[in-house]
Amino acid sequence: MIIGHVGKTPDIVEFEHNNTLKASFTVATTEKHKKRNGEEVVETEWHKGECWAKLASIVEECVRKGVMVYVEGKQKHDQYEKHGVQKTHSFIQATEIKVLTPKNKYNESGND
């Protein structure tokens, strides 16, 4: 589970052979703490996420850049080879997404 702000309007892909939607998105989480010397440290992590079918339709309709969201799901890892180097792509396979920013507080036009 993570709570954070969406980095950009999600990418939506429709697979024509079975009319299934896939939504890909990024969410930034921020953690603040103080060092022993009193200096405040702000750390931001970016998380990639994806969801499918009905949940992807909801994301397409409701999620925009800057919106705060709650994302629940499983951490997944895809391995692939690029230029002879083994790589791993980690992401959250979302099973639930809730928009936490009220509709009147964000730009519904989807402009990035």
N, C-alpha and C. Protein backbone atom coordinates (compact mmCIF):
# COMPACT_ATOMS: atom_id res chain seq x y z
N MET A 1 0.84 -1.17 0.00
CA MET A 1 0.00 0.00 0.00
C MET A 1 0.89 1.24 0.00
N ILE A 2 0.53 2.19 -0.84
CA ILE A 2 1.23 3.48 -0.83
C ILE A 2 0.19 4.59 -0.99
N ILE A 3 0.56 5.76 -0.49
CA ILE A 3 -0.23 6.97 -0.70
C ILE A 3 0.74 8.01 -1.21
N GLY A 4 0.39 8.64 -2.34
CA GLY A 4 1.27 9.65 -2.91
C GLY A 4 0.59 10.39 -4.03
N HIS A 5 1.37 11.23 -4.72
CA HIS A 5 0.86 12.03 -5.81
C HIS A 5 1.27 11.44 -7.16
N VAL A 6 0.35 11.46 -8.10
CA VAL A 6 0.58 10.93 -9.43
C VAL A 6 1.52 11.89 -10.18
N GLY A 7 2.54 11.33 -10.82
CA GLY A 7 3.56 12.13 -11.49
C GLY A 7 3.13 12.71 -12.82
N LYS A 8 2.31 12.01 -13.56
CA LYS A 8 1.77 12.49 -14.83
C LYS A 8 0.49 11.73 -15.12
N THR A 9 -0.29 12.25 -16.04
CA THR A 9 -1.52 11.57 -16.40
C THR A 9 -1.18 10.16 -16.88
N PRO A 10 -1.87 9.14 -16.38
CA PRO A 10 -1.53 7.75 -16.73
C PRO A 10 -1.59 7.47 -18.23
N ASP A 11 -0.74 6.53 -18.65
CA ASP A 11 -0.77 6.04 -20.03
C ASP A 11 -1.78 4.91 -20.10
N ILE A 12 -2.68 5.00 -21.07
CA ILE A 12 -3.72 3.99 -21.25
C ILE A 12 -3.51 3.31 -22.59
N VAL A 13 -3.50 1.98 -22.57
CA VAL A 13 -3.35 1.19 -23.79
C VAL A 13 -4.53 0.24 -23.89
N GLU A 14 -5.14 0.18 -25.07
CA GLU A 14 -6.22 -0.78 -25.29
C GLU A 14 -5.71 -1.88 -26.22
N PHE A 15 -5.83 -3.11 -25.78
CA PHE A 15 -5.41 -4.25 -26.58
C PHE A 15 -6.60 -4.68 -27.43
N GLU A 16 -6.47 -4.49 -28.74
CA GLU A 16 -7.59 -4.70 -29.66
C GLU A 16 -8.05 -6.15 -29.74
N HIS A 17 -7.13 -7.10 -29.58
CA HIS A 17 -7.52 -8.51 -29.74
C HIS A 17 -8.50 -8.98 -28.67
N ASN A 18 -8.52 -8.31 -27.50
CA ASN A 18 -9.48 -8.71 -26.47
C ASN A 18 -10.17 -7.52 -25.79
N ASN A 19 -9.98 -6.32 -26.36
CA ASN A 19 -10.59 -5.09 -25.84
C ASN A 19 -10.31 -4.85 -24.35
N THR A 20 -9.13 -5.20 -23.91
CA THR A 20 -8.73 -5.01 -22.52
C THR A 20 -7.89 -3.74 -22.40
N LEU A 21 -8.14 -2.97 -21.34
CA LEU A 21 -7.36 -1.76 -21.07
C LEU A 21 -6.25 -2.05 -20.06
N LYS A 22 -5.13 -1.35 -20.24
CA LYS A 22 -4.04 -1.37 -19.27
C LYS A 22 -3.68 0.09 -18.97
N ALA A 23 -3.60 0.43 -17.70
CA ALA A 23 -3.18 1.77 -17.29
C ALA A 23 -1.82 1.66 -16.61
N SER A 24 -0.88 2.51 -17.01
CA SER A 24 0.43 2.60 -16.38
C SER A 24 0.58 3.99 -15.79
N PHE A 25 1.15 4.07 -14.59
CA PHE A 25 1.23 5.35 -13.90
C PHE A 25 2.42 5.37 -12.95
N THR A 26 2.77 6.55 -12.47
CA THR A 26 3.82 6.69 -11.46
C THR A 26 3.25 7.47 -10.28
N VAL A 27 3.71 7.10 -9.09
CA VAL A 27 3.27 7.76 -7.87
C VAL A 27 4.51 8.12 -7.04
N ALA A 28 4.56 9.36 -6.58
CA ALA A 28 5.65 9.81 -5.72
C ALA A 28 5.21 9.76 -4.26
N THR A 29 6.02 9.12 -3.43
CA THR A 29 5.79 9.14 -1.98
C THR A 29 6.91 9.95 -1.35
N THR A 30 6.55 10.72 -0.34
CA THR A 30 7.53 11.60 0.31
C THR A 30 7.57 11.30 1.80
N GLU A 31 8.78 11.21 2.31
CA GLU A 31 9.00 10.96 3.73
C GLU A 31 9.88 12.09 4.27
N LYS A 32 9.47 12.66 5.40
CA LYS A 32 10.25 13.72 6.04
C LYS A 32 10.73 13.25 7.40
N HIS A 33 11.99 13.57 7.70
CA HIS A 33 12.53 13.29 9.03
C HIS A 33 13.66 14.26 9.32
N LYS A 34 14.06 14.30 10.57
CA LYS A 34 15.14 15.20 10.97
C LYS A 34 16.38 14.39 11.33
N LYS A 35 17.53 14.94 10.93
CA LYS A 35 18.80 14.35 11.32
C LYS A 35 19.08 14.74 12.77
N ARG A 36 20.09 14.14 13.33
CA ARG A 36 20.46 14.43 14.72
C ARG A 36 20.80 15.90 14.93
N ASN A 37 21.34 16.54 13.88
CA ASN A 37 21.71 17.95 14.00
C ASN A 37 20.51 18.89 13.80
N GLY A 38 19.31 18.33 13.63
CA GLY A 38 18.10 19.14 13.47
C GLY A 38 17.74 19.47 12.04
N GLU A 39 18.61 19.13 11.10
CA GLU A 39 18.34 19.41 9.69
C GLU A 39 17.19 18.51 9.20
N GLU A 40 16.21 19.14 8.54
CA GLU A 40 15.09 18.37 8.01
C GLU A 40 15.45 17.77 6.65
N VAL A 41 15.17 16.50 6.49
CA VAL A 41 15.46 15.78 5.26
C VAL A 41 14.14 15.34 4.63
N VAL A 42 14.01 15.61 3.33
CA VAL A 42 12.83 15.20 2.59
C VAL A 42 13.30 14.21 1.52
N GLU A 43 12.73 12.99 1.57
CA GLU A 43 13.10 11.96 0.59
C GLU A 43 11.87 11.57 -0.21
N THR A 44 12.00 11.64 -1.53
CA THR A 44 10.91 11.27 -2.42
C THR A 44 11.30 10.02 -3.20
N GLU A 45 10.40 9.06 -3.24
CA GLU A 45 10.59 7.84 -4.03
C GLU A 45 9.51 7.77 -5.08
N TRP A 46 9.86 7.29 -6.27
CA TRP A 46 8.90 7.11 -7.35
C TRP A 46 8.58 5.64 -7.49
N HIS A 47 7.30 5.34 -7.63
CA HIS A 47 6.82 3.97 -7.76
C HIS A 47 6.07 3.85 -9.08
N LYS A 48 6.40 2.83 -9.85
CA LYS A 48 5.65 2.54 -11.08
C LYS A 48 4.50 1.62 -10.74
N GLY A 49 3.39 1.81 -11.41
CA GLY A 49 2.24 0.96 -11.17
C GLY A 49 1.51 0.68 -12.46
N GLU A 50 0.72 -0.38 -12.42
CA GLU A 50 -0.15 -0.69 -13.56
C GLU A 50 -1.38 -1.41 -13.05
N CYS A 51 -2.43 -1.31 -13.85
CA CYS A 51 -3.66 -2.03 -13.54
C CYS A 51 -4.36 -2.33 -14.86
N TRP A 52 -5.33 -3.22 -14.80
CA TRP A 52 -5.97 -3.75 -15.99
C TRP A 52 -7.49 -3.65 -15.91
N ALA A 53 -8.11 -3.78 -17.07
CA ALA A 53 -9.56 -3.96 -17.22
C ALA A 53 -10.36 -2.84 -16.55
N LYS A 54 -11.31 -3.21 -15.67
CA LYS A 54 -12.21 -2.23 -15.07
C LYS A 54 -11.46 -1.19 -14.24
N LEU A 55 -10.46 -1.61 -13.49
CA LEU A 55 -9.68 -0.66 -12.70
C LEU A 55 -8.94 0.32 -13.60
N ALA A 56 -8.45 -0.14 -14.75
CA ALA A 56 -7.80 0.75 -15.71
C ALA A 56 -8.78 1.78 -16.26
N SER A 57 -10.03 1.38 -16.47
CA SER A 57 -11.07 2.32 -16.92
C SER A 57 -11.30 3.41 -15.89
N ILE A 58 -11.32 3.03 -14.63
CA ILE A 58 -11.50 4.01 -13.54
C ILE A 58 -10.31 4.96 -13.50
N VAL A 59 -9.11 4.43 -13.65
CA VAL A 59 -7.91 5.26 -13.66
C VAL A 59 -7.96 6.24 -14.83
N GLU A 60 -8.35 5.75 -16.00
CA GLU A 60 -8.44 6.60 -17.19
C GLU A 60 -9.41 7.77 -16.94
N GLU A 61 -10.49 7.50 -16.26
CA GLU A 61 -11.52 8.51 -16.04
C GLU A 61 -11.18 9.48 -14.90
N CYS A 62 -10.52 9.01 -13.85
CA CYS A 62 -10.42 9.79 -12.61
C CYS A 62 -9.01 10.26 -12.22
N VAL A 63 -7.97 9.65 -12.74
CA VAL A 63 -6.62 9.93 -12.24
C VAL A 63 -5.89 10.87 -13.20
N ARG A 64 -5.33 11.93 -12.63
CA ARG A 64 -4.58 12.93 -13.38
C ARG A 64 -3.30 13.29 -12.65
N LYS A 65 -2.40 13.98 -13.32
CA LYS A 65 -1.16 14.47 -12.73
C LYS A 65 -1.48 15.29 -11.49
N GLY A 66 -0.74 15.03 -10.41
CA GLY A 66 -0.86 15.81 -9.20
C GLY A 66 -1.89 15.31 -8.20
N VAL A 67 -2.77 14.41 -8.63
CA VAL A 67 -3.81 13.89 -7.75
C VAL A 67 -3.18 12.97 -6.70
N MET A 68 -3.66 13.08 -5.46
CA MET A 68 -3.19 12.16 -4.42
C MET A 68 -4.03 10.89 -4.51
N VAL A 69 -3.34 9.74 -4.49
CA VAL A 69 -4.01 8.45 -4.60
C VAL A 69 -3.53 7.48 -3.53
N TYR A 70 -4.41 6.56 -3.21
CA TYR A 70 -4.09 5.40 -2.38
C TYR A 70 -4.02 4.23 -3.36
N VAL A 71 -2.92 3.50 -3.36
CA VAL A 71 -2.74 2.36 -4.26
C VAL A 71 -2.44 1.12 -3.43
N GLU A 72 -3.19 0.07 -3.70
CA GLU A 72 -2.97 -1.20 -3.02
C GLU A 72 -2.73 -2.26 -4.08
N GLY A 73 -1.79 -3.15 -3.84
CA GLY A 73 -1.52 -4.21 -4.79
C GLY A 73 -0.30 -5.03 -4.41
N LYS A 74 0.20 -5.77 -5.39
CA LYS A 74 1.36 -6.63 -5.18
C LYS A 74 2.57 -6.05 -5.90
N GLN A 75 3.73 -6.19 -5.27
CA GLN A 75 4.98 -5.81 -5.91
C GLN A 75 5.34 -6.91 -6.91
N LYS A 76 5.57 -6.53 -8.17
CA LYS A 76 5.92 -7.49 -9.23
C LYS A 76 7.27 -7.12 -9.83
N HIS A 77 7.90 -8.11 -10.43
CA HIS A 77 9.20 -7.90 -11.07
C HIS A 77 9.21 -8.64 -12.41
N ASP A 78 9.47 -7.90 -13.48
CA ASP A 78 9.65 -8.50 -14.80
C ASP A 78 11.13 -8.44 -15.15
N GLN A 79 11.67 -9.54 -15.63
CA GLN A 79 13.06 -9.56 -16.07
C GLN A 79 13.11 -9.61 -17.58
N TYR A 80 14.06 -8.87 -18.14
CA TYR A 80 14.23 -8.84 -19.58
C TYR A 80 15.69 -8.54 -19.89
N GLU A 81 16.05 -8.74 -21.14
CA GLU A 81 17.42 -8.48 -21.57
C GLU A 81 17.43 -7.31 -22.53
N LYS A 82 18.37 -6.38 -22.31
CA LYS A 82 18.52 -5.23 -23.20
C LYS A 82 20.00 -5.04 -23.48
N HIS A 83 20.37 -5.11 -24.76
CA HIS A 83 21.76 -4.97 -25.19
C HIS A 83 22.68 -5.94 -24.46
N GLY A 84 22.18 -7.16 -24.25
CA GLY A 84 22.98 -8.19 -23.61
C GLY A 84 23.06 -8.10 -22.10
N VAL A 85 22.33 -7.17 -21.51
CA VAL A 85 22.36 -6.98 -20.06
C VAL A 85 21.00 -7.36 -19.48
N GLN A 86 21.03 -8.21 -18.45
CA GLN A 86 19.80 -8.61 -17.78
C GLN A 86 19.28 -7.45 -16.93
N LYS A 87 18.01 -7.09 -17.10
CA LYS A 87 17.41 -5.97 -16.35
C LYS A 87 16.16 -6.46 -15.63
N THR A 88 15.78 -5.73 -14.59
CA THR A 88 14.56 -6.03 -13.84
C THR A 88 13.71 -4.77 -13.78
N HIS A 89 12.45 -4.92 -14.10
CA HIS A 89 11.46 -3.84 -14.03
C HIS A 89 10.54 -4.16 -12.86
N SER A 90 10.55 -3.32 -11.83
CA SER A 90 9.70 -3.52 -10.66
C SER A 90 8.53 -2.56 -10.71
N PHE A 91 7.35 -3.04 -10.31
CA PHE A 91 6.16 -2.21 -10.34
C PHE A 91 5.11 -2.77 -9.39
N ILE A 92 4.10 -1.98 -9.13
CA ILE A 92 2.98 -2.41 -8.31
C ILE A 92 1.86 -2.84 -9.24
N GLN A 93 1.42 -4.08 -9.12
CA GLN A 93 0.24 -4.56 -9.84
C GLN A 93 -0.95 -4.18 -8.98
N ALA A 94 -1.60 -3.06 -9.30
CA ALA A 94 -2.64 -2.49 -8.45
C ALA A 94 -3.91 -3.33 -8.48
N THR A 95 -4.47 -3.53 -7.29
CA THR A 95 -5.76 -4.21 -7.16
C THR A 95 -6.83 -3.24 -6.65
N GLU A 96 -6.37 -2.08 -6.14
CA GLU A 96 -7.31 -1.05 -5.68
C GLU A 96 -6.63 0.30 -5.79
N ILE A 97 -7.37 1.28 -6.29
CA ILE A 97 -6.88 2.66 -6.36
C ILE A 97 -8.01 3.57 -5.92
N LYS A 98 -7.69 4.48 -4.99
CA LYS A 98 -8.68 5.46 -4.55
C LYS A 98 -8.09 6.85 -4.73
N VAL A 99 -8.86 7.73 -5.35
CA VAL A 99 -8.45 9.12 -5.50
C VAL A 99 -8.76 9.83 -4.19
N LEU A 100 -7.75 10.45 -3.58
CA LEU A 100 -7.91 11.12 -2.30
C LEU A 100 -8.08 12.63 -2.43
N THR A 101 -7.73 13.17 -3.60
CA THR A 101 -7.89 14.60 -3.84
C THR A 101 -9.32 14.86 -4.30
N PRO A 102 -10.04 15.79 -3.63
CA PRO A 102 -11.41 16.10 -4.09
C PRO A 102 -11.40 16.62 -5.53
N LYS A 103 -12.43 16.27 -6.30
CA LYS A 103 -12.49 16.64 -7.72
C LYS A 103 -12.33 18.14 -7.94
N ASN A 104 -12.88 18.96 -7.07
CA ASN A 104 -12.79 20.41 -7.28
C ASN A 104 -11.41 20.97 -6.97
N LYS A 105 -10.47 20.14 -6.53
CA LYS A 105 -9.13 20.60 -6.17
C LYS A 105 -8.07 20.32 -7.24
N TYR A 106 -8.43 19.60 -8.30
CA TYR A 106 -7.45 19.33 -9.33
C TYR A 106 -8.00 19.66 -10.72
N ASN A 107 -7.08 19.81 -11.65
CA ASN A 107 -7.42 20.16 -13.02
C ASN A 107 -7.91 18.91 -13.75
N GLU A 108 -9.18 18.86 -14.08
CA GLU A 108 -9.75 17.67 -14.73
C GLU A 108 -9.45 17.61 -16.22
N SER A 109 -8.79 18.62 -16.76
CA SER A 109 -8.50 18.62 -18.19
C SER A 109 -7.43 17.61 -18.56
N GLY A 110 -6.62 17.18 -17.56
CA GLY A 110 -5.58 16.19 -17.84
C GLY A 110 -4.34 16.79 -18.42
N ASN A 111 -4.18 18.11 -18.39
CA ASN A 111 -2.98 18.74 -18.92
C ASN A 111 -1.79 18.41 -18.05
N ASP A 112 -0.68 18.08 -18.67
CA ASP A 112 0.55 17.79 -17.93
C ASP A 112 1.37 19.03 -17.79
